[in-house]
Amino acid sequence: MLKKLPIDNYMLLLMGTVLLATLLPVSGEAARVVSLISYFAVALLFFLYGAKLKTQAVIAGMTNWRLQALIFVTTYTVFPALGFVLAFLTKGWLSEDLVTGFLFLSILPSTVQSSIALTAMASGNVPAAICAASLSNMLGVVLTPLLAALLLSADTLELNASSALWICVQLLLPFIAGQLVRPFLGGWIERNKLLTMVVDRGSILLIVYSAFSAGVVAGIWSDLDAVTLSVLVIADLILLTAVMLLIHRVGRLAGLPREDEVSFLFCGAQKSLASGVPIANILFVGHATSLIILPLMLYHQFQLLASAAIAQRMAAKQKEAAAAA
């Protein structure tokens, strides 16, 4: 089952990229070239997202308004509230950039591919998951910067007309363009899934390499010791566990059918690396980006490992129930 999600291989690539940036950081003119390439790669990625998204699936999923409302509230209100509490509790242990990164993680949209794949694996409501994940990412392009302006330090955040324009140009406009050409290119893109995967993974790796290179050149990694990293890992795990337990409890109290409970869990507890890294690259100034995205990179791995294990268990229970019926 785990083979359905490239968890370990992708994490190894991310770790290898960080190691490469540590040993061979890019700087000067070369850094500007890498930044420019990553910019166009991300724009292409969001164009492909738009061309892949089946608008009718989103509309169909919207009919289940109660589930969609629960996922939305969890993603953009409950998550930030929990993130704010944990960020406050870890302030004495983490640097300002890492605390900012922890808060930034909490205001991001859900994942797209993994939340849908996990929902399918656990026999959940796939159309609702497609709708929730797609809407979460479309709204995230606007809501994440707005929440960042409310919750994050103005000294770290670069949110102005220029950065808002860059978000629209790099993320929103390519997505809309992809939707417009979907009738012509959608089928071809769906048949060539490797293209989207390569652009997806490649654009993130480029941005991570660029951000971590800037951090190495600026010498900020001296702030990250074993104790700090341990606190960050524990905080990420506490956040993930708290959100999953809360979602499970709320789903039961709301009387959701099993299929909707599954979709709620895997769409509500996930945070998107694919959307988060490009947005962070636009919103945050200078070398701080490498530390700010570190909590997200760790959380991304934890959420996939935990969710894949839970999805496997749910699928096994469903098979047992079907066999006993």
Protein backbone atom coordinates (compact mmCIF):
# COMPACT_ATOMS: atom_id res chain seq x y z
CA MET A 1 0.00 0.00 0.00
CA LEU A 2 2.76 2.45 0.87
CA LYS A 3 4.04 2.16 -2.67
CA LYS A 4 1.00 4.15 -3.79
CA LEU A 5 2.56 7.20 -2.13
CA PRO A 6 6.22 8.07 -2.86
CA ILE A 7 6.85 8.94 0.80
CA ASP A 8 10.31 7.66 1.52
CA ASN A 9 11.89 8.30 -1.88
CA TYR A 10 10.71 11.89 -1.99
CA MET A 11 11.88 12.56 1.54
CA LEU A 12 15.28 11.13 0.61
CA LEU A 13 15.40 13.52 -2.35
CA LEU A 14 14.57 16.44 -0.06
CA MET A 15 17.26 15.42 2.41
CA GLY A 16 19.73 14.99 -0.45
CA THR A 17 18.85 18.47 -1.73
CA VAL A 18 19.47 19.97 1.71
CA LEU A 19 22.81 18.13 1.90
CA LEU A 20 23.77 19.36 -1.58
CA ALA A 21 22.92 22.94 -0.59
CA THR A 22 25.05 22.52 2.54
CA LEU A 23 28.07 21.20 0.66
CA LEU A 24 27.67 23.11 -2.61
CA PRO A 25 25.52 26.20 -1.96
CA VAL A 26 24.66 28.34 -4.94
CA SER A 27 25.28 32.08 -4.66
CA GLY A 28 25.58 35.27 -6.68
CA GLU A 29 24.54 35.11 -10.33
CA ALA A 30 24.10 31.32 -10.18
CA ALA A 31 21.60 31.76 -7.32
CA ARG A 32 19.58 34.20 -9.42
CA VAL A 33 19.51 31.69 -12.31
CA VAL A 34 18.29 28.87 -10.02
CA SER A 35 15.65 31.20 -8.56
CA LEU A 36 14.43 32.14 -12.06
CA ILE A 37 14.24 28.49 -13.17
CA SER A 38 12.32 27.54 -10.02
CA TYR A 39 9.93 30.46 -10.61
CA PHE A 40 8.94 29.16 -14.06
CA ALA A 41 8.82 25.56 -12.80
CA VAL A 42 6.30 26.51 -10.10
CA ALA A 43 4.21 28.50 -12.61
CA LEU A 44 4.19 25.42 -14.88
CA LEU A 45 3.22 23.24 -11.92
CA PHE A 46 0.15 25.35 -11.10
CA PHE A 47 -0.78 25.44 -14.80
CA LEU A 48 -0.75 21.63 -14.79
CA TYR A 49 -2.79 21.57 -11.57
CA GLY A 50 -5.41 23.74 -13.27
CA ALA A 51 -5.45 21.60 -16.41
CA LYS A 52 -5.82 18.40 -14.35
CA LEU A 53 -8.61 19.60 -12.05
CA LYS A 54 -12.04 18.32 -13.04
CA THR A 55 -14.35 21.24 -12.35
CA GLN A 56 -17.41 18.99 -12.35
CA ALA A 57 -15.89 16.88 -9.56
CA VAL A 58 -15.50 20.00 -7.40
CA ILE A 59 -19.11 21.03 -8.08
CA ALA A 60 -20.35 17.50 -7.26
CA GLY A 61 -18.42 17.46 -4.00
CA MET A 62 -19.85 20.85 -2.98
CA THR A 63 -23.28 19.28 -2.49
CA ASN A 64 -21.93 17.71 0.72
CA TRP A 65 -21.73 21.16 2.30
CA ARG A 66 -21.47 19.96 5.93
CA LEU A 67 -18.32 17.93 5.25
CA GLN A 68 -16.78 20.74 3.18
CA ALA A 69 -17.50 23.26 5.96
CA LEU A 70 -15.87 21.01 8.58
CA ILE A 71 -12.73 20.59 6.45
CA PHE A 72 -12.54 24.32 5.70
CA VAL A 73 -12.95 25.33 9.36
CA THR A 74 -10.33 22.78 10.45
CA THR A 75 -7.82 23.92 7.83
CA TYR A 76 -8.14 27.67 8.24
CA THR A 77 -9.31 28.23 11.85
CA VAL A 78 -8.67 25.21 14.10
CA PHE A 79 -5.22 24.51 12.67
CA PRO A 80 -4.01 28.13 13.03
CA ALA A 81 -5.39 28.26 16.59
CA LEU A 82 -3.49 25.11 17.59
CA GLY A 83 -0.40 26.36 15.76
CA PHE A 84 -0.56 29.66 17.61
CA VAL A 85 -0.75 27.91 21.02
CA LEU A 86 2.15 25.57 20.24
CA ALA A 87 4.22 28.42 18.79
CA PHE A 88 3.69 30.38 22.02
CA LEU A 89 4.73 27.38 24.14
CA THR A 90 7.92 26.77 22.12
CA LYS A 91 9.05 30.41 21.88
CA GLY A 92 11.73 29.93 24.51
CA TRP A 93 13.17 26.93 22.64
CA LEU A 94 12.91 27.92 18.98
CA SER A 95 14.33 30.87 17.07
CA GLU A 96 11.97 33.51 15.68
CA ASP A 97 12.31 32.10 12.16
CA LEU A 98 11.36 28.58 13.31
CA VAL A 99 8.39 29.89 15.32
CA THR A 100 7.33 31.81 12.20
CA GLY A 101 7.71 28.61 10.17
CA PHE A 102 5.56 26.71 12.64
CA LEU A 103 2.80 29.32 12.39
CA PHE A 104 3.15 29.41 8.60
CA LEU A 105 2.71 25.63 8.48
CA SER A 106 -0.59 25.94 10.36
CA ILE A 107 -2.17 28.37 7.85
CA LEU A 108 -1.41 26.41 4.69
CA PRO A 109 -3.98 24.60 2.51
CA SER A 110 -4.39 20.84 2.42
CA THR A 111 -2.49 18.55 0.07
CA VAL A 112 -4.09 17.50 -3.21
CA GLN A 113 -2.57 14.24 -4.45
CA SER A 114 -1.88 12.52 -1.14
CA SER A 115 -5.18 13.41 0.58
CA ILE A 116 -7.14 12.05 -2.39
CA ALA A 117 -4.95 8.92 -2.68
CA LEU A 118 -5.23 8.22 1.06
CA THR A 119 -9.01 8.69 0.97
CA ALA A 120 -9.25 6.23 -1.93
CA MET A 121 -6.95 3.76 -0.12
CA ALA A 122 -9.21 3.80 2.95
CA SER A 123 -12.45 3.58 0.88
CA GLY A 124 -13.56 7.11 1.75
CA ASN A 125 -15.64 9.67 -0.15
CA VAL A 126 -13.27 10.40 -3.05
CA PRO A 127 -15.42 13.03 -4.88
CA ALA A 128 -15.70 15.00 -1.61
CA ALA A 129 -11.94 14.69 -1.08
CA ILE A 130 -11.24 15.98 -4.60
CA CYS A 131 -13.54 18.93 -3.97
CA ALA A 132 -12.10 19.74 -0.52
CA ALA A 133 -8.45 19.45 -1.56
CA SER A 134 -8.94 21.47 -4.73
CA LEU A 135 -10.92 24.25 -3.05
CA SER A 136 -8.45 24.34 -0.16
CA ASN A 137 -5.57 25.02 -2.54
CA MET A 138 -7.44 27.54 -4.68
CA LEU A 139 -8.52 29.49 -1.59
CA GLY A 140 -5.10 29.04 0.00
CA VAL A 141 -3.47 31.28 -2.59
CA VAL A 142 -5.53 34.13 -1.08
CA LEU A 143 -6.20 33.01 2.51
CA THR A 144 -2.65 31.96 3.42
CA PRO A 145 -1.14 35.42 2.73
CA LEU A 146 -4.07 37.09 4.54
CA LEU A 147 -3.66 34.87 7.60
CA ALA A 148 0.09 35.43 7.43
CA ALA A 149 -0.51 39.19 7.61
CA LEU A 150 -2.66 38.70 10.72
CA LEU A 151 -0.51 36.18 12.60
CA LEU A 152 3.11 36.61 11.56
CA SER A 153 5.78 39.18 12.38
CA ALA A 154 5.90 42.15 10.01
CA ASP A 155 9.72 42.10 10.28
CA THR A 156 9.87 38.66 8.64
CA LEU A 157 6.91 38.90 6.30
CA GLU A 158 7.11 40.73 2.99
CA LEU A 159 3.42 41.18 2.21
CA ASN A 160 2.71 44.18 0.01
CA ALA A 161 1.19 44.94 -3.37
CA SER A 162 4.28 43.56 -5.10
CA SER A 163 4.26 40.20 -3.28
CA ALA A 164 0.48 39.88 -3.78
CA LEU A 165 1.01 40.49 -7.49
CA TRP A 166 3.77 37.86 -7.62
CA ILE A 167 1.46 35.31 -5.96
CA CYS A 168 -1.22 36.02 -8.56
CA VAL A 169 1.21 35.92 -11.48
CA GLN A 170 3.11 32.82 -10.36
CA LEU A 171 0.31 30.73 -8.84
CA LEU A 172 -3.21 31.97 -9.54
CA LEU A 173 -2.98 33.03 -13.20
CA PRO A 174 -1.27 29.79 -14.36
CA PHE A 175 -3.94 27.81 -12.48
CA ILE A 176 -6.75 29.75 -14.20
CA ALA A 177 -5.00 29.35 -17.57
CA GLY A 178 -4.80 25.60 -16.94
CA GLN A 179 -8.54 25.48 -16.25
CA LEU A 180 -9.24 27.36 -19.48
CA VAL A 181 -7.21 24.94 -21.63
CA ARG A 182 -8.39 21.81 -19.80
CA PRO A 183 -10.90 20.89 -22.56
CA PHE A 184 -7.97 20.71 -25.00
CA LEU A 185 -5.07 19.44 -22.84
CA GLY A 186 -6.74 17.79 -19.85
CA GLY A 187 -6.91 14.30 -21.34
CA TRP A 188 -3.28 14.35 -22.51
CA ILE A 189 -2.04 15.57 -19.11
CA GLU A 190 -4.02 12.86 -17.29
CA ARG A 191 -2.45 10.22 -19.54
CA ASN A 192 1.03 11.62 -18.87
CA LYS A 193 1.02 11.72 -15.06
CA LEU A 194 4.80 11.41 -14.96
CA LEU A 195 5.06 14.95 -16.38
CA THR A 196 3.10 16.44 -13.48
CA MET A 197 5.05 14.39 -10.95
CA VAL A 198 8.43 15.49 -12.34
CA VAL A 199 7.39 19.17 -12.43
CA ASP A 200 5.84 18.88 -8.94
CA ARG A 201 8.88 17.26 -7.32
CA GLY A 202 11.41 19.19 -9.39
CA SER A 203 10.00 22.65 -8.62
CA ILE A 204 9.94 21.96 -4.87
CA LEU A 205 13.49 20.58 -4.91
CA LEU A 206 14.72 23.67 -6.80
CA ILE A 207 13.15 26.06 -4.30
CA VAL A 208 14.44 24.05 -1.33
CA TYR A 209 17.95 24.06 -2.85
CA SER A 210 17.80 27.81 -3.47
CA ALA A 211 16.45 28.61 0.02
CA PHE A 212 18.85 26.36 1.89
CA SER A 213 21.79 27.61 -0.18
CA ALA A 214 20.94 31.16 0.87
CA GLY A 215 20.83 30.00 4.48
CA VAL A 216 24.23 28.32 4.26
CA VAL A 217 25.83 31.35 2.59
CA ALA A 218 24.38 33.60 5.31
CA GLY A 219 25.58 31.23 8.06
CA ILE A 220 22.22 30.85 9.81
CA TRP A 221 22.51 27.10 10.44
CA SER A 222 24.61 27.70 13.54
CA ASP A 223 21.28 28.48 15.27
CA LEU A 224 20.02 24.92 14.71
CA ASP A 225 21.34 22.46 17.32
CA ALA A 226 20.13 19.01 18.44
CA VAL A 227 17.91 20.42 21.20
CA THR A 228 16.22 22.90 18.85
CA LEU A 229 15.62 20.22 16.22
CA SER A 230 14.20 17.85 18.86
CA VAL A 231 11.78 20.52 20.12
CA LEU A 232 10.68 21.21 16.54
CA VAL A 233 10.07 17.51 15.83
CA ILE A 234 8.08 17.09 19.06
CA ALA A 235 6.00 20.22 18.33
CA ASP A 236 5.21 18.95 14.81
CA LEU A 237 4.17 15.54 16.16
CA ILE A 238 2.00 17.12 18.88
CA LEU A 239 0.27 19.30 16.27
CA LEU A 240 -0.38 16.35 13.94
CA THR A 241 -1.66 14.12 16.76
CA ALA A 242 -3.89 16.84 18.22
CA VAL A 243 -5.46 17.64 14.84
CA MET A 244 -6.09 13.98 13.97
CA LEU A 245 -7.66 13.22 17.37
CA LEU A 246 -9.81 16.34 17.16
CA ILE A 247 -10.99 15.50 13.64
CA HIS A 248 -11.84 11.95 14.71
CA ARG A 249 -13.86 13.23 17.68
CA VAL A 250 -15.68 15.97 15.74
CA GLY A 251 -16.50 13.54 12.92
CA ARG A 252 -18.14 11.19 15.41
CA LEU A 253 -20.04 13.98 17.18
CA ALA A 254 -21.27 15.32 13.83
CA GLY A 255 -22.58 11.86 12.93
CA LEU A 256 -20.68 11.70 9.64
CA PRO A 257 -20.94 8.47 7.62
CA ARG A 258 -17.75 6.38 7.60
CA GLU A 259 -16.83 7.51 4.05
CA ASP A 260 -17.09 11.17 5.04
CA GLU A 261 -15.11 10.59 8.25
CA VAL A 262 -12.26 9.23 6.13
CA SER A 263 -12.31 12.24 3.80
CA PHE A 264 -12.47 14.62 6.78
CA LEU A 265 -9.43 13.00 8.38
CA PHE A 266 -7.18 12.94 5.33
CA CYS A 267 -8.16 16.34 3.94
CA GLY A 268 -8.34 18.12 7.29
CA ALA A 269 -5.04 16.97 8.82
CA GLN A 270 -2.77 17.42 5.78
CA LYS A 271 -0.66 20.47 4.90
CA SER A 272 0.66 21.09 1.39
CA LEU A 273 4.39 21.22 0.72
CA ALA A 274 3.71 21.89 -2.97
CA SER A 275 1.76 25.08 -2.20
CA GLY A 276 3.63 26.05 0.96
CA VAL A 277 7.16 26.24 -0.41
CA PRO A 278 6.35 28.56 -3.37
CA ILE A 279 4.21 30.83 -1.17
CA ALA A 280 6.96 30.99 1.47
CA ASN A 281 9.48 31.84 -1.22
CA ILE A 282 7.41 34.90 -2.15
CA LEU A 283 6.29 36.01 1.32
CA PHE A 284 9.48 35.82 3.37
CA VAL A 285 12.57 37.93 3.06
CA GLY A 286 16.09 36.70 2.35
CA HIS A 287 17.83 33.78 3.99
CA ALA A 288 15.10 33.18 6.64
CA THR A 289 13.11 31.10 4.14
CA SER A 290 15.22 27.98 4.67
CA LEU A 291 14.44 27.89 8.40
CA ILE A 292 10.81 28.92 7.90
CA ILE A 293 10.05 25.96 5.61
CA LEU A 294 11.83 23.43 7.86
CA PRO A 295 8.79 22.80 10.15
CA LEU A 296 6.69 22.22 7.02
CA MET A 297 9.20 19.75 5.54
CA LEU A 298 9.23 17.72 8.75
CA TYR A 299 5.45 17.85 9.19
CA HIS A 300 4.97 16.77 5.58
CA GLN A 301 6.91 13.56 6.21
CA PHE A 302 5.18 12.83 9.53
CA GLN A 303 1.69 13.38 8.08
CA LEU A 304 2.31 11.01 5.17
CA LEU A 305 3.80 8.23 7.30
CA ALA A 306 1.03 8.45 9.92
CA SER A 307 -1.76 8.81 7.35
CA ALA A 308 -0.54 5.92 5.21
CA ALA A 309 -0.46 3.63 8.26
CA ILE A 310 -3.97 4.74 9.31
CA ALA A 311 -5.32 4.33 5.76
CA GLN A 312 -3.92 0.79 5.60
CA ARG A 313 -5.60 -0.08 8.89
CA MET A 314 -8.92 1.42 7.77
CA ALA A 315 -8.76 -0.51 4.49
CA ALA A 316 -8.04 -3.78 6.32
CA LYS A 317 -10.99 -3.22 8.70
CA GLN A 318 -13.26 -2.44 5.76
CA LYS A 319 -12.25 -5.70 4.05
CA GLU A 320 -12.87 -7.66 7.25
CA ALA A 321 -16.31 -6.08 7.64
CA ALA A 322 -17.17 -6.83 4.01
CA ALA A 323 -16.03 -10.45 4.38
CA ALA A 324 -18.09 -10.89 7.55
CA ALA A 325 -21.23 -9.41 5.97
